[in-house]
Amino acid sequence: MLVLEFKVKGKSHQYAAIEESIRTAQFVRNKALRYWMDNRGVNKYDLNKYCRVLAREYDWARELNSTARQASAERAWSSISRFFENCRQQPARKDILGSRKTVVLSSTKTPVGSYSTLSILSLPTRKGSDDSS
């Protein structure tokens, strides 16, 4: 699980830009993972090259920095290698490689001059999980 926590004092359009970049990075990671699942023999360098294809295909993905797109592809590759490492260590365990769901928790303090705390948790989603909450 990846946890980033930082203090933010921003306006609503800045919060919207942060949320959009998180969603775009999450999209790139999930598309890279799907590309690996659909094509045999794909390595981590192919996933980085696939980021360029995604940027050409989706205009809004092009707006995300190329370094951030490649970092998302590298996170996808690290989850793939971690999956296989766990399978080697625990052969009876059946893990499901799946996409991730980001949960953003925010707490705001109302006094003037204080700040907002924004916590971003990246949690694994499992097949058959209830997404109604």
C-alpha atoms as a PDB file:
ATOM      1  CA  MET A   1       0.000   0.000   0.000  1.00  0.00           C
ATOM      2  CA  LEU A   2       1.313   3.419  -0.976  1.00  0.00           C
ATOM      3  CA  VAL A   3       0.550   6.268   1.416  1.00  0.00           C
ATOM      4  CA  LEU A   4       1.332   9.881   0.647  1.00  0.00           C
ATOM      5  CA  GLU A   5       0.396  12.549   3.126  1.00  0.00           C
ATOM      6  CA  PHE A   6       0.955  16.249   2.731  1.00  0.00           C
ATOM      7  CA  LYS A   7      -0.482  19.541   3.848  1.00  0.00           C
ATOM      8  CA  VAL A   8      -2.243  21.592   1.235  1.00  0.00           C
ATOM      9  CA  LYS A   9      -3.630  25.093   1.131  1.00  0.00           C
ATOM     10  CA  GLY A  10      -5.291  25.404  -2.221  1.00  0.00           C
ATOM     11  CA  LYS A  11      -8.232  26.536  -4.236  1.00  0.00           C
ATOM     12  CA  SER A  12     -10.926  24.332  -5.689  1.00  0.00           C
ATOM     13  CA  HIS A  13      -9.422  24.355  -9.203  1.00  0.00           C
ATOM     14  CA  GLN A  14      -6.057  23.263  -7.737  1.00  0.00           C
ATOM     15  CA  TYR A  15      -7.723  20.389  -5.884  1.00  0.00           C
ATOM     16  CA  ALA A  16      -9.456  19.409  -9.118  1.00  0.00           C
ATOM     17  CA  ALA A  17      -6.098  19.397 -10.958  1.00  0.00           C
ATOM     18  CA  ILE A  18      -4.567  17.153  -8.280  1.00  0.00           C
ATOM     19  CA  GLU A  19      -7.473  14.720  -8.475  1.00  0.00           C
ATOM     20  CA  GLU A  20      -7.333  14.673 -12.276  1.00  0.00           C
ATOM     21  CA  SER A  21      -3.613  13.891 -12.284  1.00  0.00           C
ATOM     22  CA  ILE A  22      -4.144  11.077  -9.758  1.00  0.00           C
ATOM     23  CA  ARG A  23      -6.906   9.592 -11.915  1.00  0.00           C
ATOM     24  CA  THR A  24      -4.782   9.879 -15.061  1.00  0.00           C
ATOM     25  CA  ALA A  25      -1.764   8.213 -13.409  1.00  0.00           C
ATOM     26  CA  GLN A  26      -4.045   5.463 -12.124  1.00  0.00           C
ATOM     27  CA  PHE A  27      -5.467   5.027 -15.638  1.00  0.00           C
ATOM     28  CA  VAL A  28      -1.973   4.703 -17.143  1.00  0.00           C
ATOM     29  CA  ARG A  29      -1.020   2.110 -14.526  1.00  0.00           C
ATOM     30  CA  ASN A  30      -4.159   0.058 -15.137  1.00  0.00           C
ATOM     31  CA  LYS A  31      -3.775   0.256 -18.944  1.00  0.00           C
ATOM     32  CA  ALA A  32      -0.129  -0.846 -18.658  1.00  0.00           C
ATOM     33  CA  LEU A  33      -1.195  -3.778 -16.511  1.00  0.00           C
ATOM     34  CA  ARG A  34      -3.916  -4.737 -19.013  1.00  0.00           C
ATOM     35  CA  TYR A  35      -1.394  -4.436 -21.881  1.00  0.00           C
ATOM     36  CA  TRP A  36       0.929  -6.846 -20.042  1.00  0.00           C
ATOM     37  CA  MET A  37      -1.937  -9.288 -19.407  1.00  0.00           C
ATOM     38  CA  ASP A  38      -3.087  -9.265 -23.042  1.00  0.00           C
ATOM     39  CA  ASN A  39       0.341  -9.543 -24.710  1.00  0.00           C
ATOM     40  CA  ARG A  40       2.809 -12.306 -24.033  1.00  0.00           C
ATOM     41  CA  GLY A  41       6.499 -11.473 -23.512  1.00  0.00           C
ATOM     42  CA  VAL A  42       6.035  -7.828 -22.530  1.00  0.00           C
ATOM     43  CA  ASN A  43       8.803  -6.464 -20.304  1.00  0.00           C
ATOM     44  CA  LYS A  44       9.132  -3.272 -18.290  1.00  0.00           C
ATOM     45  CA  TYR A  45      10.661  -1.361 -21.192  1.00  0.00           C
ATOM     46  CA  ASP A  46       7.671  -2.204 -23.376  1.00  0.00           C
ATOM     47  CA  LEU A  47       5.396  -0.777 -20.679  1.00  0.00           C
ATOM     48  CA  ASN A  48       7.368   2.479 -20.733  1.00  0.00           C
ATOM     49  CA  LYS A  49       7.032   2.600 -24.520  1.00  0.00           C
ATOM     50  CA  TYR A  50       3.311   1.959 -24.181  1.00  0.00           C
ATOM     51  CA  CYS A  51       3.005   5.202 -22.185  1.00  0.00           C
ATOM     52  CA  ARG A  52       3.846   7.099 -25.353  1.00  0.00           C
ATOM     53  CA  VAL A  53       1.110   5.256 -27.230  1.00  0.00           C
ATOM     54  CA  LEU A  54      -1.369   6.171 -24.503  1.00  0.00           C
ATOM     55  CA  ALA A  55      -0.346   9.828 -24.723  1.00  0.00           C
ATOM     56  CA  ARG A  56      -1.003   9.825 -28.453  1.00  0.00           C
ATOM     57  CA  GLU A  57      -4.300   8.008 -28.085  1.00  0.00           C
ATOM     58  CA  TYR A  58      -5.773  10.075 -25.227  1.00  0.00           C
ATOM     59  CA  ASP A  59      -5.433  13.860 -25.212  1.00  0.00           C
ATOM     60  CA  TRP A  60      -5.996  14.122 -21.472  1.00  0.00           C
ATOM     61  CA  ALA A  61      -3.263  11.530 -20.826  1.00  0.00           C
ATOM     62  CA  ARG A  62      -0.868  13.702 -22.831  1.00  0.00           C
ATOM     63  CA  GLU A  63      -1.403  16.500 -20.307  1.00  0.00           C
ATOM     64  CA  LEU A  64       0.228  14.364 -17.603  1.00  0.00           C
ATOM     65  CA  ASN A  65       4.007  14.735 -17.506  1.00  0.00           C
ATOM     66  CA  SER A  66       5.878  11.985 -19.365  1.00  0.00           C
ATOM     67  CA  THR A  67       7.897  11.245 -16.226  1.00  0.00           C
ATOM     68  CA  ALA A  68       4.684  10.712 -14.261  1.00  0.00           C
ATOM     69  CA  ARG A  69       3.312   8.427 -16.993  1.00  0.00           C
ATOM     70  CA  GLN A  70       6.475   6.338 -16.968  1.00  0.00           C
ATOM     71  CA  ALA A  71       6.446   6.207 -13.160  1.00  0.00           C
ATOM     72  CA  SER A  72       2.922   4.771 -13.350  1.00  0.00           C
ATOM     73  CA  ALA A  73       4.127   2.117 -15.804  1.00  0.00           C
ATOM     74  CA  GLU A  74       7.044   1.306 -13.493  1.00  0.00           C
ATOM     75  CA  ARG A  75       4.608   0.892 -10.590  1.00  0.00           C
ATOM     76  CA  ALA A  76       2.631  -1.524 -12.754  1.00  0.00           C
ATOM     77  CA  TRP A  77       5.818  -3.492 -13.464  1.00  0.00           C
ATOM     78  CA  SER A  78       6.754  -3.544  -9.781  1.00  0.00           C
ATOM     79  CA  SER A  79       3.334  -4.984  -8.938  1.00  0.00           C
ATOM     80  CA  ILE A  80       3.809  -7.646 -11.626  1.00  0.00           C
ATOM     81  CA  SER A  81       7.231  -8.638 -10.280  1.00  0.00           C
ATOM     82  CA  ARG A  82       5.964  -8.558  -6.690  1.00  0.00           C
ATOM     83  CA  PHE A  83       3.107 -10.842  -7.722  1.00  0.00           C
ATOM     84  CA  PHE A  84       5.488 -13.422  -9.194  1.00  0.00           C
ATOM     85  CA  GLU A  85       7.865 -13.123  -6.242  1.00  0.00           C
ATOM     86  CA  ASN A  86       4.978 -13.834  -3.860  1.00  0.00           C
ATOM     87  CA  CYS A  87       3.959 -16.818  -5.984  1.00  0.00           C
ATOM     88  CA  ARG A  88       7.475 -18.238  -5.742  1.00  0.00           C
ATOM     89  CA  GLN A  89       7.598 -17.777  -1.983  1.00  0.00           C
ATOM     90  CA  GLN A  90       4.091 -19.073  -1.251  1.00  0.00           C
ATOM     91  CA  PRO A  91       3.031 -21.505  -3.978  1.00  0.00           C
ATOM     92  CA  ALA A  92      -0.308 -22.368  -2.318  1.00  0.00           C
ATOM     93  CA  ARG A  93      -1.428 -18.742  -2.188  1.00  0.00           C
ATOM     94  CA  LYS A  94      -3.618 -17.518  -5.040  1.00  0.00           C
ATOM     95  CA  ASP A  95      -3.175 -13.802  -5.578  1.00  0.00           C
ATOM     96  CA  ILE A  96      -5.138 -11.924  -8.177  1.00  0.00           C
ATOM     97  CA  LEU A  97      -3.308  -9.227 -10.061  1.00  0.00           C
ATOM     98  CA  GLY A  98      -5.781  -6.414 -10.400  1.00  0.00           C
ATOM     99  CA  SER A  99      -6.177  -2.727 -10.851  1.00  0.00           C
ATOM    100  CA  ARG A 100      -5.921  -0.328  -7.966  1.00  0.00           C
ATOM    101  CA  LYS A 101      -8.439   1.988  -6.428  1.00  0.00           C
ATOM    102  CA  THR A 102      -7.199   5.200  -4.883  1.00  0.00           C
ATOM    103  CA  VAL A 103      -8.938   6.499  -1.804  1.00  0.00           C
ATOM    104  CA  VAL A 104      -8.422  10.145  -0.926  1.00  0.00           C
ATOM    105  CA  LEU A 105      -9.045  11.083   2.670  1.00  0.00           C
ATOM    106  CA  SER A 106      -9.032  14.750   3.519  1.00  0.00           C
ATOM    107  CA  SER A 107      -9.390  16.552   6.799  1.00  0.00           C
ATOM    108  CA  THR A 108      -9.839  20.287   6.940  1.00  0.00           C
ATOM    109  CA  LYS A 109      -9.379  22.589   9.875  1.00  0.00           C
ATOM    110  CA  THR A 110     -11.669  25.594   9.961  1.00  0.00           C
ATOM    111  CA  PRO A 111      -9.647  28.278  11.802  1.00  0.00           C
ATOM    112  CA  VAL A 112      -8.227  30.985   9.554  1.00  0.00           C
ATOM    113  CA  GLY A 113      -4.623  30.383   8.487  1.00  0.00           C
ATOM    114  CA  SER A 114      -4.692  26.647   9.102  1.00  0.00           C
ATOM    115  CA  TYR A 115      -4.166  23.988   6.478  1.00  0.00           C
ATOM    116  CA  SER A 116      -5.857  20.959   5.027  1.00  0.00           C
ATOM    117  CA  THR A 117      -4.374  17.500   5.312  1.00  0.00           C
ATOM    118  CA  LEU A 118      -4.781  15.293   2.274  1.00  0.00           C
ATOM    119  CA  SER A 119      -3.988  11.581   2.570  1.00  0.00           C
ATOM    120  CA  ILE A 120      -3.907   9.407  -0.518  1.00  0.00           C
ATOM    121  CA  LEU A 121      -4.190   5.671  -0.021  1.00  0.00           C
ATOM    122  CA  SER A 122      -3.761   3.301  -2.912  1.00  0.00           C
ATOM    123  CA  LEU A 123      -5.621   0.095  -2.097  1.00  0.00           C
ATOM    124  CA  PRO A 124      -5.813  -3.060  -4.172  1.00  0.00           C
ATOM    125  CA  THR A 125      -9.171  -3.966  -5.632  1.00  0.00           C
ATOM    126  CA  ARG A 126     -10.135  -7.589  -5.939  1.00  0.00           C
ATOM    127  CA  LYS A 127     -12.380  -9.276  -8.423  1.00  0.00           C
ATOM    128  CA  GLY A 128     -15.858  -9.593  -7.049  1.00  0.00           C
ATOM    129  CA  SER A 129     -15.372  -6.850  -4.474  1.00  0.00           C
ATOM    130  CA  ASP A 130     -18.283  -4.589  -3.717  1.00  0.00           C
ATOM    131  CA  ASP A 131     -17.603  -1.118  -5.175  1.00  0.00           C
ATOM    132  CA  SER A 132     -20.838   0.386  -3.863  1.00  0.00           C
ATOM    133  CA  SER A 133     -19.175   2.083  -0.908  1.00  0.00           C
END
